[in-house]
Amino acid sequence: MQTIENAVMIVAMVEKSVANEVASQLYTMTDSKISIFYGSGQSNEKGFLGIPLNDEVVEIVCAVDQPEVDSIVKTISEIGRLDELGKGSIMIVPSVTMMIPSPKSENP
């Protein structure tokens, strides 16, 4: 197991029609050290989890380093069109500790 300390967790609720676009953009822009990815058809390289909540809203959860927070929140807000669609929210949870499986190359 690998422990990542002092990460920042971002939980965003976005309209279903833009969820994959938001997740894909976050995937390409972040330098997150998290090594697990779930959802949205991406590979197992980064820490995003997309959870369909109902027919209209998807929850996107990611854990990133502190310097990335502002740009990620801005991206979620813009691509997720939170103001325009009138749906969604963003919550930031500072200083989380995560335990994740070690990358396969580090396993003996």
C-alpha atoms as a PDB file:
ATOM      1  CA  MET A   1       0.000   0.000   0.000  1.00  0.00           C
ATOM      2  CA  GLN A   2       1.033   3.557  -0.649  1.00  0.00           C
ATOM      3  CA  THR A   3       0.080   6.418   1.701  1.00  0.00           C
ATOM      4  CA  ILE A   4      -0.470   9.884   0.297  1.00  0.00           C
ATOM      5  CA  GLU A   5      -0.682  12.604   2.922  1.00  0.00           C
ATOM      6  CA  ASN A   6      -1.907  16.186   2.719  1.00  0.00           C
ATOM      7  CA  ALA A   7      -3.812  15.705  -0.517  1.00  0.00           C
ATOM      8  CA  VAL A   8      -6.859  17.864  -1.187  1.00  0.00           C
ATOM      9  CA  MET A   9     -10.084  16.086  -2.043  1.00  0.00           C
ATOM     10  CA  ILE A  10     -12.430  17.822  -4.461  1.00  0.00           C
ATOM     11  CA  VAL A  11     -16.000  16.560  -4.691  1.00  0.00           C
ATOM     12  CA  ALA A  12     -18.019  18.042  -7.541  1.00  0.00           C
ATOM     13  CA  MET A  13     -21.602  17.451  -8.613  1.00  0.00           C
ATOM     14  CA  VAL A  14     -22.048  18.143 -12.331  1.00  0.00           C
ATOM     15  CA  GLU A  15     -24.816  17.711 -14.875  1.00  0.00           C
ATOM     16  CA  LYS A  16     -24.637  14.285 -16.501  1.00  0.00           C
ATOM     17  CA  SER A  17     -24.278  15.692 -20.022  1.00  0.00           C
ATOM     18  CA  VAL A  18     -20.935  17.341 -19.152  1.00  0.00           C
ATOM     19  CA  ALA A  19     -19.533  14.826 -16.634  1.00  0.00           C
ATOM     20  CA  ASN A  20     -17.311  12.900 -19.048  1.00  0.00           C
ATOM     21  CA  GLU A  21     -15.940  16.125 -20.515  1.00  0.00           C
ATOM     22  CA  VAL A  22     -15.120  17.433 -17.024  1.00  0.00           C
ATOM     23  CA  ALA A  23     -13.451  14.160 -15.986  1.00  0.00           C
ATOM     24  CA  SER A  24     -11.461  13.924 -19.229  1.00  0.00           C
ATOM     25  CA  GLN A  25     -10.179  17.486 -18.898  1.00  0.00           C
ATOM     26  CA  LEU A  26      -9.169  16.951 -15.261  1.00  0.00           C
ATOM     27  CA  TYR A  27      -7.418  13.737 -16.242  1.00  0.00           C
ATOM     28  CA  THR A  28      -5.247  15.503 -18.808  1.00  0.00           C
ATOM     29  CA  MET A  29      -4.430  18.602 -16.740  1.00  0.00           C
ATOM     30  CA  THR A  30      -3.479  17.276 -13.311  1.00  0.00           C
ATOM     31  CA  ASP A  31      -0.132  16.078 -12.010  1.00  0.00           C
ATOM     32  CA  SER A  32      -1.839  14.207  -9.193  1.00  0.00           C
ATOM     33  CA  LYS A  33       0.231  11.537  -7.462  1.00  0.00           C
ATOM     34  CA  ILE A  34      -2.853   9.391  -6.999  1.00  0.00           C
ATOM     35  CA  SER A  35      -2.455   6.209  -9.009  1.00  0.00           C
ATOM     36  CA  ILE A  36      -6.023   4.894  -9.289  1.00  0.00           C
ATOM     37  CA  PHE A  37      -8.690   5.935 -11.754  1.00  0.00           C
ATOM     38  CA  TYR A  38     -12.297   4.792 -11.856  1.00  0.00           C
ATOM     39  CA  GLY A  39     -15.034   5.693 -14.307  1.00  0.00           C
ATOM     40  CA  SER A  40     -15.395   7.711 -17.497  1.00  0.00           C
ATOM     41  CA  GLY A  41     -13.533   5.162 -19.599  1.00  0.00           C
ATOM     42  CA  GLN A  42     -10.014   6.355 -18.800  1.00  0.00           C
ATOM     43  CA  SER A  43      -7.034   4.191 -17.861  1.00  0.00           C
ATOM     44  CA  ASN A  44      -5.935   3.183 -14.341  1.00  0.00           C
ATOM     45  CA  GLU A  45      -3.444   6.001 -13.878  1.00  0.00           C
ATOM     46  CA  LYS A  46      -4.976   8.827 -11.860  1.00  0.00           C
ATOM     47  CA  GLY A  47      -7.365   9.292  -9.000  1.00  0.00           C
ATOM     48  CA  PHE A  48     -10.807  10.151 -10.300  1.00  0.00           C
ATOM     49  CA  LEU A  49     -14.077   8.516  -9.394  1.00  0.00           C
ATOM     50  CA  GLY A  50     -17.276   9.330 -11.278  1.00  0.00           C
ATOM     51  CA  ILE A  51     -20.480   8.247  -9.539  1.00  0.00           C
ATOM     52  CA  PRO A  52     -23.879   8.613 -11.258  1.00  0.00           C
ATOM     53  CA  LEU A  53     -26.265   9.906  -8.586  1.00  0.00           C
ATOM     54  CA  ASN A  54     -29.413   9.947 -10.705  1.00  0.00           C
ATOM     55  CA  ASP A  55     -30.430  10.580 -14.309  1.00  0.00           C
ATOM     56  CA  GLU A  56     -29.278  14.202 -14.140  1.00  0.00           C
ATOM     57  CA  VAL A  57     -26.235  14.548 -11.869  1.00  0.00           C
ATOM     58  CA  VAL A  58     -22.859  12.803 -11.566  1.00  0.00           C
ATOM     59  CA  GLU A  59     -20.487  13.169  -8.628  1.00  0.00           C
ATOM     60  CA  ILE A  60     -16.810  13.476  -9.545  1.00  0.00           C
ATOM     61  CA  VAL A  61     -14.276  12.887  -6.777  1.00  0.00           C
ATOM     62  CA  CYS A  62     -10.564  13.572  -7.162  1.00  0.00           C
ATOM     63  CA  ALA A  63      -7.615  13.947  -4.815  1.00  0.00           C
ATOM     64  CA  VAL A  64      -4.873  16.327  -5.889  1.00  0.00           C
ATOM     65  CA  ASP A  65      -1.900  18.284  -4.595  1.00  0.00           C
ATOM     66  CA  GLN A  66      -2.605  21.722  -3.075  1.00  0.00           C
ATOM     67  CA  PRO A  67      -1.077  23.783  -5.940  1.00  0.00           C
ATOM     68  CA  GLU A  68      -3.547  22.207  -8.406  1.00  0.00           C
ATOM     69  CA  VAL A  69      -6.727  23.074  -6.498  1.00  0.00           C
ATOM     70  CA  ASP A  70      -7.503  26.507  -7.980  1.00  0.00           C
ATOM     71  CA  SER A  71      -7.069  25.440 -11.598  1.00  0.00           C
ATOM     72  CA  ILE A  72      -9.100  22.272 -11.071  1.00  0.00           C
ATOM     73  CA  VAL A  73     -11.963  24.117  -9.375  1.00  0.00           C
ATOM     74  CA  LYS A  74     -11.955  26.668 -12.206  1.00  0.00           C
ATOM     75  CA  THR A  75     -12.041  23.887 -14.813  1.00  0.00           C
ATOM     76  CA  ILE A  76     -14.901  22.070 -13.088  1.00  0.00           C
ATOM     77  CA  SER A  77     -16.854  25.303 -12.836  1.00  0.00           C
ATOM     78  CA  GLU A  78     -16.277  26.315 -16.467  1.00  0.00           C
ATOM     79  CA  ILE A  79     -16.606  22.978 -18.262  1.00  0.00           C
ATOM     80  CA  GLY A  80     -19.324  21.820 -15.874  1.00  0.00           C
ATOM     81  CA  ARG A  81     -21.197  25.061 -16.654  1.00  0.00           C
ATOM     82  CA  LEU A  82     -22.442  25.185 -13.064  1.00  0.00           C
ATOM     83  CA  ASP A  83     -23.870  28.711 -13.406  1.00  0.00           C
ATOM     84  CA  GLU A  84     -25.378  28.136 -16.835  1.00  0.00           C
ATOM     85  CA  LEU A  85     -26.999  24.779 -16.112  1.00  0.00           C
ATOM     86  CA  GLY A  86     -28.035  25.716 -12.584  1.00  0.00           C
ATOM     87  CA  LYS A  87     -27.024  22.276 -11.351  1.00  0.00           C
ATOM     88  CA  GLY A  88     -24.016  21.192  -9.417  1.00  0.00           C
ATOM     89  CA  SER A  89     -21.661  22.126  -6.646  1.00  0.00           C
ATOM     90  CA  ILE A  90     -18.009  21.878  -5.662  1.00  0.00           C
ATOM     91  CA  MET A  91     -16.750  20.910  -2.209  1.00  0.00           C
ATOM     92  CA  ILE A  92     -13.089  21.033  -1.164  1.00  0.00           C
ATOM     93  CA  VAL A  93     -11.816  18.854   1.683  1.00  0.00           C
ATOM     94  CA  PRO A  94      -8.317  19.992   2.734  1.00  0.00           C
ATOM     95  CA  SER A  95      -5.584  17.740   4.049  1.00  0.00           C
ATOM     96  CA  VAL A  96      -6.808  14.208   3.475  1.00  0.00           C
ATOM     97  CA  THR A  97      -4.684  11.093   3.836  1.00  0.00           C
ATOM     98  CA  MET A  98      -5.289   8.306   1.354  1.00  0.00           C
ATOM     99  CA  MET A  99      -4.087   4.735   1.236  1.00  0.00           C
ATOM    100  CA  ILE A 100      -4.008   3.241  -2.230  1.00  0.00           C
ATOM    101  CA  PRO A 101      -2.381   0.204  -3.820  1.00  0.00           C
ATOM    102  CA  SER A 102       1.219   0.746  -4.865  1.00  0.00           C
ATOM    103  CA  PRO A 103       1.842   0.994  -8.605  1.00  0.00           C
ATOM    104  CA  LYS A 104       2.537  -2.445 -10.080  1.00  0.00           C
ATOM    105  CA  SER A 105       6.130  -1.518 -10.894  1.00  0.00           C
ATOM    106  CA  GLU A 106       6.809  -1.005  -7.153  1.00  0.00           C
ATOM    107  CA  ASN A 107       5.384  -4.375  -6.085  1.00  0.00           C
ATOM    108  CA  PRO A 108       8.019  -7.104  -5.625  1.00  0.00           C
END
